[in-house]
Amino acid sequence: MILADEGEAESRDDGCQVLYGVIRDCAYRIRKRAGSEKEFHKLMGLWDNPEDRVSAQANGMTA
């Protein structure tokens, strides 16, 4: 999304603006799909959260 924003700001013609708009749209769709997959994996008990491992190690527990 950052790439699309920066590219659109620097674009000099309509074709480039359309291309960056498509890139932005795809990025939002990918982010939405990734969030859905993450939630599904959490519900199924398949989500391994690296932050949990870091917290456990900091408390002297093994993950």
Protein backbone atom coordinates (compact mmCIF):
# COMPACT_ATOMS: atom_id res chain seq x y z
CA MET A 1 0.00 0.00 0.00
CA ILE A 2 2.89 2.32 0.72
CA LEU A 3 4.35 1.53 -2.70
CA ALA A 4 1.04 2.42 -4.36
CA ASP A 5 0.75 5.67 -2.41
CA GLU A 6 4.30 6.74 -3.23
CA GLY A 7 3.99 5.68 -6.87
CA GLU A 8 0.73 7.51 -7.34
CA ALA A 9 2.19 10.65 -5.80
CA GLU A 10 5.10 10.52 -8.27
CA SER A 11 3.10 9.45 -11.34
CA ARG A 12 2.93 11.80 -14.27
CA ASP A 13 0.21 10.23 -16.35
CA ASP A 14 -3.21 8.63 -15.97
CA GLY A 15 -1.98 5.14 -16.91
CA CYS A 16 0.41 5.07 -13.95
CA GLN A 17 -2.28 6.31 -11.60
CA VAL A 18 -4.57 3.50 -12.74
CA LEU A 19 -1.78 0.96 -12.25
CA TYR A 20 -1.05 2.17 -8.73
CA GLY A 21 -4.77 2.13 -7.96
CA VAL A 22 -4.90 -1.54 -8.98
CA ILE A 23 -1.83 -2.28 -6.85
CA ARG A 24 -3.47 -0.57 -3.85
CA ASP A 25 -6.73 -2.47 -4.38
CA CYS A 26 -4.86 -5.79 -4.53
CA ALA A 27 -2.90 -4.93 -1.39
CA TYR A 28 -6.10 -4.26 0.56
CA ARG A 29 -7.60 -7.54 -0.68
CA ILE A 30 -4.48 -9.47 0.30
CA ARG A 31 -4.46 -7.87 3.75
CA LYS A 32 -8.13 -8.71 4.26
CA ARG A 33 -7.60 -12.32 3.15
CA ALA A 34 -4.52 -12.70 5.35
CA GLY A 35 -6.50 -11.44 8.35
CA SER A 36 -9.29 -13.92 7.63
CA GLU A 37 -6.80 -16.78 7.34
CA LYS A 38 -5.14 -15.73 10.59
CA GLU A 39 -8.46 -15.71 12.46
CA PHE A 40 -9.40 -19.10 10.98
CA HIS A 41 -6.10 -20.59 12.10
CA LYS A 42 -6.58 -19.13 15.58
CA LEU A 43 -10.05 -20.69 15.82
CA MET A 44 -8.64 -24.05 14.71
CA GLY A 45 -5.81 -23.84 17.26
CA LEU A 46 -3.21 -23.76 14.50
CA TRP A 47 -1.90 -20.24 15.03
CA ASP A 48 1.60 -20.15 16.48
CA ASN A 49 2.11 -16.65 17.84
CA PRO A 50 5.84 -15.77 17.97
CA GLU A 51 5.07 -13.14 20.63
CA ASP A 52 3.88 -15.94 22.94
CA ARG A 53 7.23 -17.70 22.53
CA VAL A 54 9.15 -14.50 23.31
CA SER A 55 7.04 -13.92 26.44
CA ALA A 56 7.53 -17.47 27.62
CA GLN A 57 11.29 -17.29 27.12
CA ALA A 58 11.46 -13.97 28.97
CA ASN A 59 9.70 -15.63 31.92
CA GLY A 60 12.16 -18.53 31.96
CA MET A 61 9.70 -20.96 30.41
CA THR A 62 10.38 -22.97 27.29
CA ALA A 63 8.08 -22.64 24.33
